[in-house]
Amino acid sequence: MATTSRLLGLLSLLQARRDWPGALLAKRLEVSPRTVRRDVERLREMGYSIQTVMGPDGGYRLESGTELPPLLFDDGQVIAVTVALQAAALSGAGVEEDALRALTTVRQVMPGRLRHRLDALEFSTLAAGSGDSAATTSPDVLVAVSTAVRAREVLRFDYARPDGGVDGAMPPRRVEPHNIVVSGGRWYLVAWDLDHEDWRIFRADRMTPRIPRGPRFTPREVPGGDATAYVAARFKGSDVQDRWPCTGSVILHLPASAVLPFAGDGIVEPLDGERCRFESGSWSWVALAAALNRFDADVEVIEPPDLIAAFARLAERNERAATRT
């Protein structure tokens, strides 16, 4: 094995586990223990912090150093890093420029087979907390769906039931894929459903794409003109606008400092040391009334009358529940 290839192989092994006996490294690389010692010294000169492990077996351990040396990734790690960098570039966390530069660097040295797959993967991000809890989605599914989005080709796929089962008698779904949106650790496809003739949001972790894909199509305009805003609106129970369909204002008999940590996207305005004005929204008036009860404090409704009626309905239900109990 050439020296360069042997060094890369040694580095890959050292990254894979914490401690390596010298004899085992020599066996894996099919070289002598002396050659392993020389190669370890070469890696140290390149900036890798490799400690010698004392003991009967002897060996080596790759430690963290003062600088970040070159790293080795397998195919799965390359995909994970590039997806994370692309998400970071859209996160609004102040690292967008660095993430884009890092993504460019990784792509330049990426094998062609991986570059082709990742060039097809495009998505938008939505602030976490609007959707469901995280779910694992296969990279192959994401690449297949994103490829159909870029190519503007009809996508066919089997869609699992919420319980994870698949009804084999159901025909595959047929959609015009528009965009992929990431929220709260889940991937969603915004698409025009050809069978229902309406916009739909599909969870990618429940999708199994079929091949071949369908014909090309002319893109439609997503409601509101923005796929990310459309998904955010649907999460809030609205059809188009990214806002709660039911919004009310109340006075909470709690200081503003006690409400702020739990206000979410609500607006808190201090009134005095014991009360504050709180404006919030939900997908229904009863849901809003129930959410306001989480503060375990007296509530005075300012507006609208619908919220007062919702508190009355909620009180009746709670009274019936208490009676049954």
C-alpha atoms as a PDB file:
ATOM      1  CA  MET A   1       0.000   0.000   0.000  1.00  0.00           C
ATOM      2  CA  ALA A   2       1.323   3.467  -0.896  1.00  0.00           C
ATOM      3  CA  THR A   3       2.265   5.699   2.007  1.00  0.00           C
ATOM      4  CA  THR A   4      -0.547   8.216   1.374  1.00  0.00           C
ATOM      5  CA  SER A   5      -3.210   5.513   1.093  1.00  0.00           C
ATOM      6  CA  ARG A   6      -1.850   3.799   4.193  1.00  0.00           C
ATOM      7  CA  LEU A   7      -1.976   7.047   6.181  1.00  0.00           C
ATOM      8  CA  LEU A   8      -5.575   7.637   5.139  1.00  0.00           C
ATOM      9  CA  GLY A   9      -6.444   4.079   6.125  1.00  0.00           C
ATOM     10  CA  LEU A  10      -4.757   4.506   9.499  1.00  0.00           C
ATOM     11  CA  LEU A  11      -6.567   7.800  10.123  1.00  0.00           C
ATOM     12  CA  SER A  12      -9.901   6.237   9.228  1.00  0.00           C
ATOM     13  CA  LEU A  13      -9.315   3.439  11.739  1.00  0.00           C
ATOM     14  CA  LEU A  14      -8.254   5.846  14.498  1.00  0.00           C
ATOM     15  CA  GLN A  15     -11.448   7.870  13.974  1.00  0.00           C
ATOM     16  CA  ALA A  16     -13.616   4.761  14.203  1.00  0.00           C
ATOM     17  CA  ARG A  17     -12.890   3.815  17.824  1.00  0.00           C
ATOM     18  CA  ARG A  18     -11.213   5.265  20.912  1.00  0.00           C
ATOM     19  CA  ASP A  19      -8.289   2.885  21.495  1.00  0.00           C
ATOM     20  CA  TRP A  20      -6.390   0.734  18.999  1.00  0.00           C
ATOM     21  CA  PRO A  21      -3.776  -1.841  20.041  1.00  0.00           C
ATOM     22  CA  GLY A  22      -0.708  -1.409  17.864  1.00  0.00           C
ATOM     23  CA  ALA A  23      -0.654  -5.064  16.836  1.00  0.00           C
ATOM     24  CA  LEU A  24      -4.291  -4.903  15.708  1.00  0.00           C
ATOM     25  CA  LEU A  25      -3.643  -1.776  13.637  1.00  0.00           C
ATOM     26  CA  ALA A  26      -0.691  -3.485  11.967  1.00  0.00           C
ATOM     27  CA  LYS A  27      -2.854  -6.529  11.180  1.00  0.00           C
ATOM     28  CA  ARG A  28      -5.685  -4.419   9.739  1.00  0.00           C
ATOM     29  CA  LEU A  29      -3.295  -2.429   7.566  1.00  0.00           C
ATOM     30  CA  GLU A  30      -1.189  -5.512   6.703  1.00  0.00           C
ATOM     31  CA  VAL A  31       2.057  -3.817   7.729  1.00  0.00           C
ATOM     32  CA  SER A  32       4.576  -4.222  10.527  1.00  0.00           C
ATOM     33  CA  PRO A  33       4.185  -2.560  13.964  1.00  0.00           C
ATOM     34  CA  ARG A  34       7.262  -0.496  13.110  1.00  0.00           C
ATOM     35  CA  THR A  35       5.518   0.905  10.018  1.00  0.00           C
ATOM     36  CA  VAL A  36       2.502   1.793  12.174  1.00  0.00           C
ATOM     37  CA  ARG A  37       4.761   3.727  14.546  1.00  0.00           C
ATOM     38  CA  ARG A  38       6.302   5.677  11.656  1.00  0.00           C
ATOM     39  CA  ASP A  39       2.877   6.454  10.190  1.00  0.00           C
ATOM     40  CA  VAL A  40       1.608   7.633  13.566  1.00  0.00           C
ATOM     41  CA  GLU A  41       4.563  10.057  13.724  1.00  0.00           C
ATOM     42  CA  ARG A  42       3.689  11.349  10.250  1.00  0.00           C
ATOM     43  CA  LEU A  43       0.105  11.998  11.321  1.00  0.00           C
ATOM     44  CA  ARG A  44       1.350  13.821  14.411  1.00  0.00           C
ATOM     45  CA  GLU A  45       3.466  16.075  12.197  1.00  0.00           C
ATOM     46  CA  MET A  46       0.306  16.849  10.187  1.00  0.00           C
ATOM     47  CA  GLY A  47      -1.445  18.130  13.321  1.00  0.00           C
ATOM     48  CA  TYR A  48      -3.245  15.063  14.644  1.00  0.00           C
ATOM     49  CA  SER A  49      -3.018  14.576  18.403  1.00  0.00           C
ATOM     50  CA  ILE A  50      -2.373  10.835  18.771  1.00  0.00           C
ATOM     51  CA  GLN A  51      -1.543   9.573  22.241  1.00  0.00           C
ATOM     52  CA  THR A  52       0.407   6.399  22.937  1.00  0.00           C
ATOM     53  CA  VAL A  53      -1.570   4.032  25.177  1.00  0.00           C
ATOM     54  CA  MET A  54       0.630   2.171  27.644  1.00  0.00           C
ATOM     55  CA  GLY A  55      -0.102  -1.385  28.766  1.00  0.00           C
ATOM     56  CA  PRO A  56       0.398  -5.006  27.810  1.00  0.00           C
ATOM     57  CA  ASP A  57      -1.061  -4.504  24.348  1.00  0.00           C
ATOM     58  CA  GLY A  58       0.213  -0.990  23.747  1.00  0.00           C
ATOM     59  CA  GLY A  59      -1.603   1.135  21.213  1.00  0.00           C
ATOM     60  CA  TYR A  60      -2.801   4.531  20.109  1.00  0.00           C
ATOM     61  CA  ARG A  61      -5.644   6.946  20.772  1.00  0.00           C
ATOM     62  CA  LEU A  62      -6.766   9.875  18.625  1.00  0.00           C
ATOM     63  CA  GLU A  63      -7.369  12.899  20.887  1.00  0.00           C
ATOM     64  CA  SER A  64      -8.658  16.398  20.266  1.00  0.00           C
ATOM     65  CA  GLY A  65      -5.935  18.903  19.378  1.00  0.00           C
ATOM     66  CA  THR A  66      -5.419  22.650  19.278  1.00  0.00           C
ATOM     67  CA  GLU A  67      -6.411  22.896  15.592  1.00  0.00           C
ATOM     68  CA  LEU A  68      -8.888  21.073  13.383  1.00  0.00           C
ATOM     69  CA  PRO A  69      -6.932  18.719  11.101  1.00  0.00           C
ATOM     70  CA  PRO A  70      -8.325  17.135   7.914  1.00  0.00           C
ATOM     71  CA  LEU A  71     -11.115  14.641   8.550  1.00  0.00           C
ATOM     72  CA  LEU A  72     -12.316  11.509   6.806  1.00  0.00           C
ATOM     73  CA  PHE A  73     -16.007  10.758   6.260  1.00  0.00           C
ATOM     74  CA  ASP A  74     -17.821   7.776   4.848  1.00  0.00           C
ATOM     75  CA  ASP A  75     -20.693   8.269   2.379  1.00  0.00           C
ATOM     76  CA  GLY A  76     -23.363   8.421   5.081  1.00  0.00           C
ATOM     77  CA  GLN A  77     -21.415  11.005   7.068  1.00  0.00           C
ATOM     78  CA  VAL A  78     -20.856  13.155   3.968  1.00  0.00           C
ATOM     79  CA  ILE A  79     -24.596  13.227   3.292  1.00  0.00           C
ATOM     80  CA  ALA A  80     -25.349  14.044   6.935  1.00  0.00           C
ATOM     81  CA  VAL A  81     -22.800  16.887   7.025  1.00  0.00           C
ATOM     82  CA  THR A  82     -23.982  18.487   3.794  1.00  0.00           C
ATOM     83  CA  VAL A  83     -27.663  18.293   4.758  1.00  0.00           C
ATOM     84  CA  ALA A  84     -26.834  19.862   8.137  1.00  0.00           C
ATOM     85  CA  LEU A  85     -24.793  22.621   6.472  1.00  0.00           C
ATOM     86  CA  GLN A  86     -27.585  23.378   4.032  1.00  0.00           C
ATOM     87  CA  ALA A  87     -30.048  23.589   6.926  1.00  0.00           C
ATOM     88  CA  ALA A  88     -27.648  25.837   8.875  1.00  0.00           C
ATOM     89  CA  ALA A  89     -27.400  28.164   5.880  1.00  0.00           C
ATOM     90  CA  LEU A  90     -31.183  28.694   6.160  1.00  0.00           C
ATOM     91  CA  SER A  91     -31.439  28.736   9.938  1.00  0.00           C
ATOM     92  CA  GLY A  92     -31.074  32.444  10.632  1.00  0.00           C
ATOM     93  CA  ALA A  93     -28.673  31.615  13.478  1.00  0.00           C
ATOM     94  CA  GLY A  94     -25.930  33.980  12.271  1.00  0.00           C
ATOM     95  CA  VAL A  95     -23.783  31.229  10.721  1.00  0.00           C
ATOM     96  CA  GLU A  96     -25.236  31.373   7.212  1.00  0.00           C
ATOM     97  CA  GLU A  97     -22.086  32.647   5.483  1.00  0.00           C
ATOM     98  CA  ASP A  98     -19.782  30.184   7.241  1.00  0.00           C
ATOM     99  CA  ALA A  99     -22.188  27.326   6.502  1.00  0.00           C
ATOM    100  CA  LEU A 100     -22.276  28.194   2.793  1.00  0.00           C
ATOM    101  CA  ARG A 101     -18.464  28.374   2.626  1.00  0.00           C
ATOM    102  CA  ALA A 102     -18.161  25.037   4.408  1.00  0.00           C
ATOM    103  CA  LEU A 103     -20.764  23.510   2.082  1.00  0.00           C
ATOM    104  CA  THR A 104     -18.819  24.733  -0.944  1.00  0.00           C
ATOM    105  CA  THR A 105     -15.587  23.276   0.460  1.00  0.00           C
ATOM    106  CA  VAL A 106     -17.152  19.881   1.108  1.00  0.00           C
ATOM    107  CA  ARG A 107     -18.793  19.782  -2.307  1.00  0.00           C
ATOM    108  CA  GLN A 108     -15.528  20.494  -4.138  1.00  0.00           C
ATOM    109  CA  VAL A 109     -13.889  17.323  -2.793  1.00  0.00           C
ATOM    110  CA  MET A 110     -17.035  15.187  -2.800  1.00  0.00           C
ATOM    111  CA  PRO A 111     -17.147  12.069  -5.006  1.00  0.00           C
ATOM    112  CA  GLY A 112     -19.258  12.533  -8.106  1.00  0.00           C
ATOM    113  CA  ARG A 113     -21.763   9.866  -7.058  1.00  0.00           C
ATOM    114  CA  LEU A 114     -22.540  11.825  -3.860  1.00  0.00           C
ATOM    115  CA  ARG A 115     -22.435  15.256  -5.485  1.00  0.00           C
ATOM    116  CA  HIS A 116     -25.115  14.197  -7.955  1.00  0.00           C
ATOM    117  CA  ARG A 117     -27.408  13.029  -5.131  1.00  0.00           C
ATOM    118  CA  LEU A 118     -26.916  16.094  -2.966  1.00  0.00           C
ATOM    119  CA  ASP A 119     -27.308  18.575  -5.817  1.00  0.00           C
ATOM    120  CA  ALA A 120     -30.835  17.213  -6.138  1.00  0.00           C
ATOM    121  CA  LEU A 121     -31.631  17.841  -2.474  1.00  0.00           C
ATOM    122  CA  GLU A 122     -33.230  21.251  -1.933  1.00  0.00           C
ATOM    123  CA  PHE A 123     -35.469  22.293   0.953  1.00  0.00           C
ATOM    124  CA  SER A 124     -36.670  25.181   3.105  1.00  0.00           C
ATOM    125  CA  THR A 125     -36.701  25.402   6.895  1.00  0.00           C
ATOM    126  CA  LEU A 126     -39.461  26.399   9.295  1.00  0.00           C
ATOM    127  CA  ALA A 127     -38.916  27.319  12.931  1.00  0.00           C
ATOM    128  CA  ALA A 128     -39.039  24.277  15.195  1.00  0.00           C
ATOM    129  CA  GLY A 129     -42.092  23.764  17.334  1.00  0.00           C
ATOM    130  CA  SER A 130     -44.731  24.324  14.674  1.00  0.00           C
ATOM    131  CA  GLY A 131     -44.973  20.696  13.622  1.00  0.00           C
ATOM    132  CA  ASP A 132     -44.812  17.266  15.155  1.00  0.00           C
ATOM    133  CA  SER A 133     -41.937  15.629  16.991  1.00  0.00           C
ATOM    134  CA  ALA A 134     -38.886  14.489  15.049  1.00  0.00           C
ATOM    135  CA  ALA A 135     -39.025  11.416  12.801  1.00  0.00           C
ATOM    136  CA  THR A 136     -36.339   9.587  10.858  1.00  0.00           C
ATOM    137  CA  THR A 137     -36.505   9.950   7.075  1.00  0.00           C
ATOM    138  CA  SER A 138     -34.360   7.949   4.662  1.00  0.00           C
ATOM    139  CA  PRO A 139     -31.852  10.065   2.683  1.00  0.00           C
ATOM    140  CA  ASP A 140     -32.807   8.029  -0.396  1.00  0.00           C
ATOM    141  CA  VAL A 141     -36.420   9.176   0.001  1.00  0.00           C
ATOM    142  CA  LEU A 142     -35.349  12.820   0.402  1.00  0.00           C
ATOM    143  CA  VAL A 143     -33.138  12.661  -2.688  1.00  0.00           C
ATOM    144  CA  ALA A 144     -35.874  10.973  -4.750  1.00  0.00           C
ATOM    145  CA  VAL A 145     -38.505  13.509  -3.707  1.00  0.00           C
ATOM    146  CA  SER A 146     -36.210  16.497  -4.174  1.00  0.00           C
ATOM    147  CA  THR A 147     -35.169  15.237  -7.608  1.00  0.00           C
ATOM    148  CA  ALA A 148     -38.822  15.177  -8.645  1.00  0.00           C
ATOM    149  CA  VAL A 149     -39.244  18.727  -7.303  1.00  0.00           C
ATOM    150  CA  ARG A 150     -36.282  20.011  -9.322  1.00  0.00           C
ATOM    151  CA  ALA A 151     -37.281  18.133 -12.481  1.00  0.00           C
ATOM    152  CA  ARG A 152     -40.944  19.218 -12.168  1.00  0.00           C
ATOM    153  CA  GLU A 153     -42.049  15.632 -12.681  1.00  0.00           C
ATOM    154  CA  VAL A 154     -45.162  13.972 -11.256  1.00  0.00           C
ATOM    155  CA  LEU A 155     -44.238  11.898  -8.212  1.00  0.00           C
ATOM    156  CA  ARG A 156     -45.886   8.577  -7.379  1.00  0.00           C
ATOM    157  CA  PHE A 157     -45.527   7.103  -3.908  1.00  0.00           C
ATOM    158  CA  ASP A 158     -47.117   4.826  -1.333  1.00  0.00           C
ATOM    159  CA  TYR A 159     -48.172   6.687   1.805  1.00  0.00           C
ATOM    160  CA  ALA A 160     -48.180   4.847   5.138  1.00  0.00           C
ATOM    161  CA  ARG A 161     -51.036   5.229   7.599  1.00  0.00           C
ATOM    162  CA  PRO A 162     -50.412   7.183  10.836  1.00  0.00           C
ATOM    163  CA  ASP A 163     -49.994   3.857  12.676  1.00  0.00           C
ATOM    164  CA  GLY A 164     -47.179   2.888  10.299  1.00  0.00           C
ATOM    165  CA  GLY A 165     -49.161   0.294   8.339  1.00  0.00           C
ATOM    166  CA  VAL A 166     -49.573   0.288   4.570  1.00  0.00           C
ATOM    167  CA  ASP A 167     -52.815  -0.583   2.786  1.00  0.00           C
ATOM    168  CA  GLY A 168     -51.683  -2.631  -0.185  1.00  0.00           C
ATOM    169  CA  ALA A 169     -55.073  -2.232  -1.861  1.00  0.00           C
ATOM    170  CA  MET A 170     -54.701   1.547  -2.093  1.00  0.00           C
ATOM    171  CA  PRO A 171     -53.274   2.907  -5.361  1.00  0.00           C
ATOM    172  CA  PRO A 172     -50.139   5.073  -5.119  1.00  0.00           C
ATOM    173  CA  ARG A 173     -50.591   8.796  -4.564  1.00  0.00           C
ATOM    174  CA  ARG A 174     -49.956  11.028  -7.582  1.00  0.00           C
ATOM    175  CA  VAL A 175     -48.812  14.573  -6.935  1.00  0.00           C
ATOM    176  CA  GLU A 176     -47.069  17.538  -8.505  1.00  0.00           C
ATOM    177  CA  PRO A 177     -44.262  18.134  -5.951  1.00  0.00           C
ATOM    178  CA  HIS A 178     -43.600  21.789  -5.217  1.00  0.00           C
ATOM    179  CA  ASN A 179     -41.170  22.099  -2.308  1.00  0.00           C
ATOM    180  CA  ILE A 180     -39.676  20.325   0.724  1.00  0.00           C
ATOM    181  CA  VAL A 181     -39.955  22.077   4.100  1.00  0.00           C
ATOM    182  CA  VAL A 182     -38.178  21.014   7.306  1.00  0.00           C
ATOM    183  CA  SER A 183     -39.780  21.756  10.676  1.00  0.00           C
ATOM    184  CA  GLY A 184     -39.221  20.329  14.137  1.00  0.00           C
ATOM    185  CA  GLY A 185     -37.091  17.438  12.877  1.00  0.00           C
ATOM    186  CA  ARG A 186     -39.619  16.364  10.234  1.00  0.00           C
ATOM    187  CA  TRP A 187     -39.550  16.707   6.458  1.00  0.00           C
ATOM    188  CA  TYR A 188     -42.706  17.726   4.630  1.00  0.00           C
ATOM    189  CA  LEU A 189     -43.553  17.768   0.929  1.00  0.00           C
ATOM    190  CA  VAL A 190     -45.858  20.526  -0.327  1.00  0.00           C
ATOM    191  CA  ALA A 191     -47.605  19.211  -3.431  1.00  0.00           C
ATOM    192  CA  TRP A 192     -50.692  19.451  -5.621  1.00  0.00           C
ATOM    193  CA  ASP A 193     -52.642  16.212  -5.247  1.00  0.00           C
ATOM    194  CA  LEU A 194     -53.798  15.181  -8.726  1.00  0.00           C
ATOM    195  CA  ASP A 195     -56.485  12.814  -7.442  1.00  0.00           C
ATOM    196  CA  HIS A 196     -58.024  15.255  -4.946  1.00  0.00           C
ATOM    197  CA  GLU A 197     -57.270  18.372  -7.030  1.00  0.00           C
ATOM    198  CA  ASP A 198     -56.073  20.306  -4.005  1.00  0.00           C
ATOM    199  CA  TRP A 199     -52.892  21.251  -2.154  1.00  0.00           C
ATOM    200  CA  ARG A 200     -51.635  18.709   0.361  1.00  0.00           C
ATOM    201  CA  ILE A 201     -48.760  18.416   2.853  1.00  0.00           C
ATOM    202  CA  PHE A 202     -47.158  14.960   3.105  1.00  0.00           C
ATOM    203  CA  ARG A 203     -44.713  13.700   5.713  1.00  0.00           C
ATOM    204  CA  ALA A 204     -41.617  12.364   3.969  1.00  0.00           C
ATOM    205  CA  ASP A 205     -41.003   9.678   6.608  1.00  0.00           C
ATOM    206  CA  ARG A 206     -44.301   8.059   5.559  1.00  0.00           C
ATOM    207  CA  MET A 207     -43.539   8.171   1.834  1.00  0.00           C
ATOM    208  CA  THR A 208     -42.160   5.324  -0.326  1.00  0.00           C
ATOM    209  CA  PRO A 209     -41.476   6.742  -3.822  1.00  0.00           C
ATOM    210  CA  ARG A 210     -42.286   4.635  -6.843  1.00  0.00           C
ATOM    211  CA  ILE A 211     -40.441   4.477 -10.119  1.00  0.00           C
ATOM    212  CA  PRO A 212     -40.618   5.559 -12.806  1.00  0.00           C
ATOM    213  CA  ARG A 213     -41.825   9.074 -12.110  1.00  0.00           C
ATOM    214  CA  GLY A 214     -44.640  10.612 -14.130  1.00  0.00           C
ATOM    215  CA  PRO A 215     -44.632  13.281 -16.842  1.00  0.00           C
ATOM    216  CA  ARG A 216     -43.363  16.813 -16.460  1.00  0.00           C
ATOM    217  CA  PHE A 217     -45.804  19.481 -15.316  1.00  0.00           C
ATOM    218  CA  THR A 218     -46.127  23.250 -15.280  1.00  0.00           C
ATOM    219  CA  PRO A 219     -45.672  24.513 -11.683  1.00  0.00           C
ATOM    220  CA  ARG A 220     -48.679  26.005  -9.935  1.00  0.00           C
ATOM    221  CA  GLU A 221     -48.479  28.845  -7.417  1.00  0.00           C
ATOM    222  CA  VAL A 222     -48.661  27.589  -3.848  1.00  0.00           C
ATOM    223  CA  PRO A 223     -51.344  29.367  -1.760  1.00  0.00           C
ATOM    224  CA  GLY A 224     -49.883  32.633  -0.517  1.00  0.00           C
ATOM    225  CA  GLY A 225     -46.923  32.303  -2.880  1.00  0.00           C
ATOM    226  CA  ASP A 226     -44.525  30.773  -0.326  1.00  0.00           C
ATOM    227  CA  ALA A 227     -44.324  27.082   0.592  1.00  0.00           C
ATOM    228  CA  THR A 228     -42.761  27.666   4.017  1.00  0.00           C
ATOM    229  CA  ALA A 229     -45.422  30.211   4.997  1.00  0.00           C
ATOM    230  CA  TYR A 230     -48.114  27.854   3.691  1.00  0.00           C
ATOM    231  CA  VAL A 231     -46.889  24.993   5.905  1.00  0.00           C
ATOM    232  CA  ALA A 232     -46.674  27.331   8.917  1.00  0.00           C
ATOM    233  CA  ALA A 233     -50.229  28.507   8.247  1.00  0.00           C
ATOM    234  CA  ARG A 234     -51.575  24.962   8.007  1.00  0.00           C
ATOM    235  CA  PHE A 235     -49.875  24.063  11.293  1.00  0.00           C
ATOM    236  CA  LYS A 236     -51.852  26.907  12.860  1.00  0.00           C
ATOM    237  CA  GLY A 237     -55.140  25.794  11.330  1.00  0.00           C
ATOM    238  CA  SER A 238     -55.211  28.523   8.682  1.00  0.00           C
ATOM    239  CA  ASP A 239     -55.513  27.973   4.933  1.00  0.00           C
ATOM    240  CA  VAL A 240     -53.140  30.665   3.699  1.00  0.00           C
ATOM    241  CA  GLN A 241     -51.929  33.256   6.218  1.00  0.00           C
ATOM    242  CA  ASP A 242     -49.236  32.379   8.768  1.00  0.00           C
ATOM    243  CA  ARG A 243     -51.309  33.409  11.766  1.00  0.00           C
ATOM    244  CA  TRP A 244     -53.715  31.784  14.198  1.00  0.00           C
ATOM    245  CA  PRO A 245     -57.335  31.885  13.015  1.00  0.00           C
ATOM    246  CA  CYS A 246     -58.490  32.668  16.578  1.00  0.00           C
ATOM    247  CA  THR A 247     -56.649  35.447  18.431  1.00  0.00           C
ATOM    248  CA  GLY A 248     -57.723  37.034  21.709  1.00  0.00           C
ATOM    249  CA  SER A 249     -56.525  39.415  24.383  1.00  0.00           C
ATOM    250  CA  VAL A 250     -56.846  38.888  28.149  1.00  0.00           C
ATOM    251  CA  ILE A 251     -55.579  40.194  31.474  1.00  0.00           C
ATOM    252  CA  LEU A 252     -53.722  37.571  33.484  1.00  0.00           C
ATOM    253  CA  HIS A 253     -53.425  38.049  37.234  1.00  0.00           C
ATOM    254  CA  LEU A 254     -49.726  37.252  37.123  1.00  0.00           C
ATOM    255  CA  PRO A 255     -46.662  39.490  36.749  1.00  0.00           C
ATOM    256  CA  ALA A 256     -45.271  39.695  33.231  1.00  0.00           C
ATOM    257  CA  SER A 257     -42.035  38.022  34.382  1.00  0.00           C
ATOM    258  CA  ALA A 258     -44.003  34.879  35.292  1.00  0.00           C
ATOM    259  CA  VAL A 259     -45.802  34.755  31.930  1.00  0.00           C
ATOM    260  CA  LEU A 260     -42.942  35.524  29.527  1.00  0.00           C
ATOM    261  CA  PRO A 261     -41.143  32.140  29.825  1.00  0.00           C
ATOM    262  CA  PHE A 262     -44.333  30.352  28.730  1.00  0.00           C
ATOM    263  CA  ALA A 263     -45.747  32.913  26.297  1.00  0.00           C
ATOM    264  CA  GLY A 264     -44.604  31.165  23.111  1.00  0.00           C
ATOM    265  CA  ASP A 265     -45.529  33.421  20.185  1.00  0.00           C
ATOM    266  CA  GLY A 266     -47.891  35.474  22.373  1.00  0.00           C
ATOM    267  CA  ILE A 267     -47.408  39.152  23.281  1.00  0.00           C
ATOM    268  CA  VAL A 268     -46.966  40.125  26.945  1.00  0.00           C
ATOM    269  CA  GLU A 269     -47.514  43.692  28.190  1.00  0.00           C
ATOM    270  CA  PRO A 270     -46.945  44.534  31.883  1.00  0.00           C
ATOM    271  CA  LEU A 271     -49.803  46.386  33.592  1.00  0.00           C
ATOM    272  CA  ASP A 272     -48.550  46.470  37.171  1.00  0.00           C
ATOM    273  CA  GLY A 273     -46.551  44.266  39.510  1.00  0.00           C
ATOM    274  CA  GLU A 274     -49.343  41.670  39.728  1.00  0.00           C
ATOM    275  CA  ARG A 275     -51.039  41.726  36.314  1.00  0.00           C
ATOM    276  CA  CYS A 276     -50.206  41.739  32.626  1.00  0.00           C
ATOM    277  CA  ARG A 277     -52.009  41.906  29.281  1.00  0.00           C
ATOM    278  CA  PHE A 278     -51.532  38.806  27.147  1.00  0.00           C
ATOM    279  CA  GLU A 279     -52.416  38.412  23.458  1.00  0.00           C
ATOM    280  CA  SER A 280     -52.279  34.933  21.983  1.00  0.00           C
ATOM    281  CA  GLY A 281     -53.862  32.682  19.378  1.00  0.00           C
ATOM    282  CA  SER A 282     -54.869  29.107  18.662  1.00  0.00           C
ATOM    283  CA  TRP A 283     -56.654  27.009  16.060  1.00  0.00           C
ATOM    284  CA  SER A 284     -60.037  27.352  17.850  1.00  0.00           C
ATOM    285  CA  TRP A 285     -61.576  29.534  20.562  1.00  0.00           C
ATOM    286  CA  VAL A 286     -62.004  26.636  22.979  1.00  0.00           C
ATOM    287  CA  ALA A 287     -58.382  25.597  22.407  1.00  0.00           C
ATOM    288  CA  LEU A 288     -57.293  29.175  23.173  1.00  0.00           C
ATOM    289  CA  ALA A 289     -59.357  29.248  26.381  1.00  0.00           C
ATOM    290  CA  ALA A 290     -57.886  25.929  27.478  1.00  0.00           C
ATOM    291  CA  ALA A 291     -54.344  27.161  26.708  1.00  0.00           C
ATOM    292  CA  LEU A 292     -54.861  30.262  28.847  1.00  0.00           C
ATOM    293  CA  ASN A 293     -55.809  28.068  31.793  1.00  0.00           C
ATOM    294  CA  ARG A 294     -52.281  26.664  31.824  1.00  0.00           C
ATOM    295  CA  PHE A 295     -51.133  29.754  33.699  1.00  0.00           C
ATOM    296  CA  ASP A 296     -53.269  28.691  36.708  1.00  0.00           C
ATOM    297  CA  ALA A 297     -54.349  32.278  37.366  1.00  0.00           C
ATOM    298  CA  ASP A 298     -57.484  34.445  37.155  1.00  0.00           C
ATOM    299  CA  VAL A 299     -58.272  35.583  33.597  1.00  0.00           C
ATOM    300  CA  GLU A 300     -60.208  38.674  32.452  1.00  0.00           C
ATOM    301  CA  VAL A 301     -61.179  38.565  28.773  1.00  0.00           C
ATOM    302  CA  ILE A 302     -60.662  41.867  26.959  1.00  0.00           C
ATOM    303  CA  GLU A 303     -61.689  40.714  23.481  1.00  0.00           C
ATOM    304  CA  PRO A 304     -63.347  39.186  21.522  1.00  0.00           C
ATOM    305  CA  PRO A 305     -66.771  37.937  22.768  1.00  0.00           C
ATOM    306  CA  ASP A 306     -66.034  34.591  21.061  1.00  0.00           C
ATOM    307  CA  LEU A 307     -63.361  33.931  23.675  1.00  0.00           C
ATOM    308  CA  ILE A 308     -65.827  34.604  26.516  1.00  0.00           C
ATOM    309  CA  ALA A 309     -68.235  32.090  24.989  1.00  0.00           C
ATOM    310  CA  ALA A 310     -65.407  29.583  24.663  1.00  0.00           C
ATOM    311  CA  PHE A 311     -64.605  29.868  28.381  1.00  0.00           C
ATOM    312  CA  ALA A 312     -68.286  29.191  29.111  1.00  0.00           C
ATOM    313  CA  ARG A 313     -68.305  26.056  26.918  1.00  0.00           C
ATOM    314  CA  LEU A 314     -65.070  24.879  28.487  1.00  0.00           C
ATOM    315  CA  ALA A 315     -66.499  25.400  31.988  1.00  0.00           C
ATOM    316  CA  GLU A 316     -69.574  23.317  31.125  1.00  0.00           C
ATOM    317  CA  ARG A 317     -67.445  20.472  29.807  1.00  0.00           C
ATOM    318  CA  ASN A 318     -65.163  20.566  32.813  1.00  0.00           C
ATOM    319  CA  GLU A 319     -68.152  20.495  35.157  1.00  0.00           C
ATOM    320  CA  ARG A 320     -69.548  17.433  33.368  1.00  0.00           C
ATOM    321  CA  ALA A 321     -66.182  15.731  33.501  1.00  0.00           C
ATOM    322  CA  ALA A 322     -65.891  16.443  37.239  1.00  0.00           C
ATOM    323  CA  THR A 323     -69.421  15.096  37.843  1.00  0.00           C
ATOM    324  CA  ARG A 324     -68.719  11.871  35.940  1.00  0.00           C
ATOM    325  CA  THR A 325     -65.528  11.381  37.872  1.00  0.00           C
END
